[in-house]
Amino acid sequence: MKEYLPLIMGVVSFVGAALTWYDAVVRKRYAAERAVGHLTTNYAALSGNVATLDRMLDDRLDTIQREHSEIKILLQVLITQSGGSLPPAIKREI
């Protein structure tokens, strides 16, 4: 029995090492799947935020364009009412 002791210890050590290695592989796989899940969730959230910001920007630009048109019309009315006596720089802009 004494002569088999190193063999038994080697087998036990090998099994322990194999179990430890397998546990590490399983943990790495789980960590990778979890990281991909987080990345997917974050990407979806960012896509939604970008879409919201794009809509907000479109609305704001539409408002600015509408206000610009109103100001332009008001200036044209003022020019017409004043008989066209505005400075040339303002006339050129309009």
N, C-alpha and C. Protein backbone atom coordinates (compact mmCIF):
# COMPACT_ATOMS: atom_id res chain seq x y z
N MET A 1 0.81 -1.19 0.00
CA MET A 1 0.00 0.00 0.00
C MET A 1 0.86 1.26 0.00
N LYS A 2 1.99 1.17 0.68
CA LYS A 2 2.87 2.32 0.76
C LYS A 2 3.41 2.72 -0.60
N GLU A 3 3.61 1.76 -1.47
CA GLU A 3 4.16 2.08 -2.80
C GLU A 3 3.12 2.75 -3.68
N TYR A 4 1.83 2.61 -3.38
CA TYR A 4 0.78 3.24 -4.18
C TYR A 4 0.40 4.63 -3.66
N LEU A 5 0.93 5.01 -2.53
CA LEU A 5 0.59 6.31 -1.94
C LEU A 5 0.91 7.48 -2.88
N PRO A 6 2.08 7.54 -3.51
CA PRO A 6 2.34 8.65 -4.43
C PRO A 6 1.37 8.65 -5.62
N LEU A 7 1.01 7.47 -6.10
CA LEU A 7 0.07 7.38 -7.21
C LEU A 7 -1.31 7.89 -6.80
N ILE A 8 -1.74 7.48 -5.60
CA ILE A 8 -3.04 7.93 -5.10
C ILE A 8 -3.04 9.45 -4.90
N MET A 9 -1.97 9.98 -4.34
CA MET A 9 -1.85 11.43 -4.14
C MET A 9 -1.83 12.16 -5.48
N GLY A 10 -1.18 11.59 -6.46
CA GLY A 10 -1.14 12.19 -7.79
C GLY A 10 -2.51 12.23 -8.43
N VAL A 11 -3.25 11.11 -8.30
CA VAL A 11 -4.60 11.04 -8.87
C VAL A 11 -5.52 12.04 -8.18
N VAL A 12 -5.46 12.10 -6.86
CA VAL A 12 -6.29 13.05 -6.10
C VAL A 12 -5.93 14.48 -6.49
N SER A 13 -4.66 14.77 -6.61
CA SER A 13 -4.23 16.11 -7.01
C SER A 13 -4.70 16.45 -8.41
N PHE A 14 -4.61 15.48 -9.30
CA PHE A 14 -5.06 15.70 -10.68
C PHE A 14 -6.57 15.97 -10.73
N VAL A 15 -7.34 15.18 -9.99
CA VAL A 15 -8.80 15.37 -9.96
C VAL A 15 -9.13 16.74 -9.37
N GLY A 16 -8.44 17.11 -8.30
CA GLY A 16 -8.66 18.44 -7.69
C GLY A 16 -8.33 19.55 -8.67
N ALA A 17 -7.21 19.41 -9.39
CA ALA A 17 -6.82 20.42 -10.37
C ALA A 17 -7.82 20.48 -11.52
N ALA A 18 -8.30 19.33 -11.95
CA ALA A 18 -9.27 19.29 -13.05
C ALA A 18 -10.57 19.96 -12.62
N LEU A 19 -11.03 19.70 -11.40
CA LEU A 19 -12.25 20.34 -10.91
C LEU A 19 -12.08 21.86 -10.78
N THR A 20 -10.92 22.28 -10.29
CA THR A 20 -10.64 23.71 -10.17
C THR A 20 -10.61 24.37 -11.54
N TRP A 21 -9.96 23.72 -12.51
CA TRP A 21 -9.91 24.26 -13.88
C TRP A 21 -11.31 24.36 -14.47
N TYR A 22 -12.13 23.31 -14.29
CA TYR A 22 -13.49 23.31 -14.83
C TYR A 22 -14.32 24.43 -14.19
N ASP A 23 -14.16 24.62 -12.90
CA ASP A 23 -14.88 25.70 -12.22
C ASP A 23 -14.47 27.06 -12.77
N ALA A 24 -13.18 27.24 -13.02
CA ALA A 24 -12.70 28.51 -13.58
C ALA A 24 -13.28 28.74 -14.98
N VAL A 25 -13.34 27.69 -15.80
CA VAL A 25 -13.90 27.81 -17.15
C VAL A 25 -15.37 28.20 -17.09
N VAL A 26 -16.11 27.56 -16.20
CA VAL A 26 -17.54 27.86 -16.06
C VAL A 26 -17.74 29.30 -15.59
N ARG A 27 -16.94 29.73 -14.64
CA ARG A 27 -17.06 31.11 -14.14
C ARG A 27 -16.72 32.12 -15.24
N LYS A 28 -15.69 31.84 -16.03
CA LYS A 28 -15.33 32.76 -17.12
C LYS A 28 -16.46 32.84 -18.15
N ARG A 29 -17.05 31.71 -18.47
CA ARG A 29 -18.15 31.69 -19.45
C ARG A 29 -19.32 32.51 -18.92
N TYR A 30 -19.65 32.32 -17.64
CA TYR A 30 -20.74 33.05 -17.03
C TYR A 30 -20.44 34.55 -17.03
N ALA A 31 -19.20 34.90 -16.68
CA ALA A 31 -18.82 36.32 -16.67
C ALA A 31 -18.91 36.93 -18.07
N ALA A 32 -18.49 36.18 -19.08
CA ALA A 32 -18.55 36.69 -20.45
C ALA A 32 -20.00 36.87 -20.90
N GLU A 33 -20.86 35.90 -20.58
CA GLU A 33 -22.28 36.03 -20.94
C GLU A 33 -22.92 37.22 -20.22
N ARG A 34 -22.55 37.41 -18.99
CA ARG A 34 -23.09 38.53 -18.22
C ARG A 34 -22.62 39.86 -18.80
N ALA A 35 -21.35 39.94 -19.18
CA ALA A 35 -20.82 41.16 -19.77
C ALA A 35 -21.51 41.47 -21.09
N VAL A 36 -21.73 40.46 -21.91
CA VAL A 36 -22.43 40.67 -23.18
C VAL A 36 -23.86 41.13 -22.92
N GLY A 37 -24.50 40.56 -21.92
CA GLY A 37 -25.86 40.98 -21.56
C GLY A 37 -25.89 42.44 -21.15
N HIS A 38 -24.92 42.85 -20.34
CA HIS A 38 -24.85 44.26 -19.93
C HIS A 38 -24.61 45.16 -21.14
N LEU A 39 -23.71 44.75 -22.00
CA LEU A 39 -23.43 45.56 -23.20
C LEU A 39 -24.66 45.69 -24.09
N THR A 40 -25.40 44.61 -24.23
CA THR A 40 -26.62 44.65 -25.05
C THR A 40 -27.65 45.59 -24.43
N THR A 41 -27.82 45.49 -23.12
CA THR A 41 -28.77 46.37 -22.44
C THR A 41 -28.35 47.84 -22.55
N ASN A 42 -27.07 48.10 -22.34
CA ASN A 42 -26.57 49.47 -22.44
C ASN A 42 -26.71 50.01 -23.86
N TYR A 43 -26.46 49.17 -24.86
CA TYR A 43 -26.61 49.59 -26.25
C TYR A 43 -28.06 49.95 -26.56
N ALA A 44 -28.99 49.16 -26.06
CA ALA A 44 -30.41 49.44 -26.28
C ALA A 44 -30.80 50.76 -25.61
N ALA A 45 -30.30 50.98 -24.40
CA ALA A 45 -30.61 52.23 -23.69
C ALA A 45 -30.02 53.42 -24.43
N LEU A 46 -28.79 53.29 -24.90
CA LEU A 46 -28.16 54.39 -25.65
C LEU A 46 -28.90 54.67 -26.95
N SER A 47 -29.33 53.63 -27.63
CA SER A 47 -30.07 53.82 -28.88
C SER A 47 -31.37 54.57 -28.62
N GLY A 48 -32.06 54.20 -27.55
CA GLY A 48 -33.29 54.91 -27.20
C GLY A 48 -33.03 56.36 -26.85
N ASN A 49 -31.95 56.62 -26.11
CA ASN A 49 -31.61 58.00 -25.75
C ASN A 49 -31.24 58.82 -26.97
N VAL A 50 -30.50 58.24 -27.89
CA VAL A 50 -30.14 58.96 -29.12
C VAL A 50 -31.38 59.28 -29.94
N ALA A 51 -32.31 58.33 -30.02
CA ALA A 51 -33.55 58.57 -30.76
C ALA A 51 -34.36 59.69 -30.12
N THR A 52 -34.42 59.69 -28.79
CA THR A 52 -35.14 60.76 -28.08
C THR A 52 -34.49 62.11 -28.32
N LEU A 53 -33.18 62.16 -28.22
CA LEU A 53 -32.48 63.42 -28.47
C LEU A 53 -32.67 63.89 -29.91
N ASP A 54 -32.70 62.96 -30.85
CA ASP A 54 -32.91 63.32 -32.25
C ASP A 54 -34.30 63.94 -32.44
N ARG A 55 -35.31 63.34 -31.82
CA ARG A 55 -36.67 63.91 -31.91
C ARG A 55 -36.73 65.29 -31.27
N MET A 56 -36.08 65.44 -30.10
CA MET A 56 -36.08 66.73 -29.43
C MET A 56 -35.39 67.78 -30.28
N LEU A 57 -34.28 67.41 -30.90
CA LEU A 57 -33.55 68.34 -31.76
C LEU A 57 -34.38 68.73 -32.98
N ASP A 58 -35.07 67.77 -33.58
CA ASP A 58 -35.95 68.08 -34.71
C ASP A 58 -37.05 69.05 -34.31
N ASP A 59 -37.66 68.81 -33.17
CA ASP A 59 -38.71 69.72 -32.69
C ASP A 59 -38.16 71.12 -32.46
N ARG A 60 -36.99 71.19 -31.86
CA ARG A 60 -36.40 72.50 -31.57
C ARG A 60 -36.02 73.23 -32.86
N LEU A 61 -35.46 72.51 -33.82
CA LEU A 61 -35.11 73.13 -35.09
C LEU A 61 -36.36 73.58 -35.85
N ASP A 62 -37.44 72.81 -35.77
CA ASP A 62 -38.69 73.23 -36.40
C ASP A 62 -39.20 74.53 -35.78
N THR A 63 -39.11 74.63 -34.45
CA THR A 63 -39.53 75.85 -33.76
C THR A 63 -38.67 77.03 -34.18
N ILE A 64 -37.38 76.83 -34.24
CA ILE A 64 -36.47 77.91 -34.65
C ILE A 64 -36.77 78.34 -36.08
N GLN A 65 -37.01 77.39 -36.96
CA GLN A 65 -37.31 77.72 -38.35
C GLN A 65 -38.62 78.50 -38.45
N ARG A 66 -39.63 78.09 -37.69
CA ARG A 66 -40.92 78.78 -37.68
C ARG A 66 -40.74 80.22 -37.18
N GLU A 67 -40.01 80.39 -36.08
CA GLU A 67 -39.77 81.73 -35.52
C GLU A 67 -38.97 82.58 -36.49
N HIS A 68 -38.01 81.98 -37.17
CA HIS A 68 -37.21 82.71 -38.16
C HIS A 68 -38.10 83.22 -39.28
N SER A 69 -39.00 82.37 -39.74
CA SER A 69 -39.92 82.78 -40.81
C SER A 69 -40.82 83.92 -40.34
N GLU A 70 -41.31 83.83 -39.10
CA GLU A 70 -42.15 84.90 -38.56
C GLU A 70 -41.40 86.22 -38.48
N ILE A 71 -40.15 86.17 -38.01
CA ILE A 71 -39.34 87.38 -37.91
C ILE A 71 -39.09 87.96 -39.29
N LYS A 72 -38.81 87.12 -40.25
CA LYS A 72 -38.56 87.57 -41.61
C LYS A 72 -39.81 88.27 -42.18
N ILE A 73 -40.98 87.67 -41.95
CA ILE A 73 -42.22 88.28 -42.44
C ILE A 73 -42.46 89.62 -41.76
N LEU A 74 -42.24 89.69 -40.44
CA LEU A 74 -42.41 90.95 -39.72
C LEU A 74 -41.47 92.03 -40.23
N LEU A 75 -40.24 91.68 -40.52
CA LEU A 75 -39.29 92.64 -41.06
C LEU A 75 -39.71 93.12 -42.45
N GLN A 76 -40.22 92.21 -43.25
CA GLN A 76 -40.68 92.61 -44.58
C GLN A 76 -41.88 93.56 -44.47
N VAL A 77 -42.77 93.31 -43.50
CA VAL A 77 -43.90 94.21 -43.27
C VAL A 77 -43.40 95.57 -42.82
N LEU A 78 -42.42 95.59 -41.92
CA LEU A 78 -41.86 96.87 -41.45
C LEU A 78 -41.19 97.63 -42.59
N ILE A 79 -40.49 96.93 -43.44
CA ILE A 79 -39.85 97.58 -44.59
C ILE A 79 -40.91 98.18 -45.50
N THR A 80 -41.96 97.44 -45.75
CA THR A 80 -43.03 97.93 -46.61
C THR A 80 -43.72 99.13 -45.98
N GLN A 81 -43.99 99.09 -44.68
CA GLN A 81 -44.67 100.19 -44.01
C GLN A 81 -43.79 101.43 -43.93
N SER A 82 -42.49 101.25 -43.82
CA SER A 82 -41.60 102.41 -43.69
C SER A 82 -41.20 102.96 -45.05
N GLY A 83 -41.69 102.39 -46.09
CA GLY A 83 -41.36 102.89 -47.44
C GLY A 83 -39.99 102.45 -47.91
N GLY A 84 -39.45 101.45 -47.33
CA GLY A 84 -38.16 100.92 -47.78
C GLY A 84 -36.99 101.73 -47.30
N SER A 85 -37.11 102.41 -46.17
CA SER A 85 -36.04 103.30 -45.70
C SER A 85 -35.10 102.64 -44.70
N LEU A 86 -35.03 101.34 -44.68
CA LEU A 86 -34.10 100.65 -43.79
C LEU A 86 -32.70 100.67 -44.40
N PRO A 87 -31.67 100.55 -43.56
CA PRO A 87 -30.29 100.56 -44.08
C PRO A 87 -30.07 99.41 -45.07
N PRO A 88 -29.16 99.63 -46.01
CA PRO A 88 -28.89 98.60 -47.02
C PRO A 88 -28.44 97.26 -46.46
N ALA A 89 -27.71 97.28 -45.34
CA ALA A 89 -27.23 96.03 -44.74
C ALA A 89 -28.40 95.15 -44.31
N ILE A 90 -29.45 95.76 -43.75
CA ILE A 90 -30.60 94.99 -43.32
C ILE A 90 -31.39 94.52 -44.54
N LYS A 91 -31.51 95.35 -45.56
CA LYS A 91 -32.23 94.95 -46.76
C LYS A 91 -31.55 93.75 -47.42
N ARG A 92 -30.23 93.79 -47.45
CA ARG A 92 -29.49 92.70 -48.09
C ARG A 92 -29.70 91.39 -47.33
N GLU A 93 -29.79 91.44 -46.00
CA GLU A 93 -29.99 90.24 -45.19
C GLU A 93 -31.37 89.64 -45.45
N ILE A 94 -32.35 90.47 -45.70
CA ILE A 94 -33.72 89.99 -45.87
C ILE A 94 -33.89 89.56 -47.29
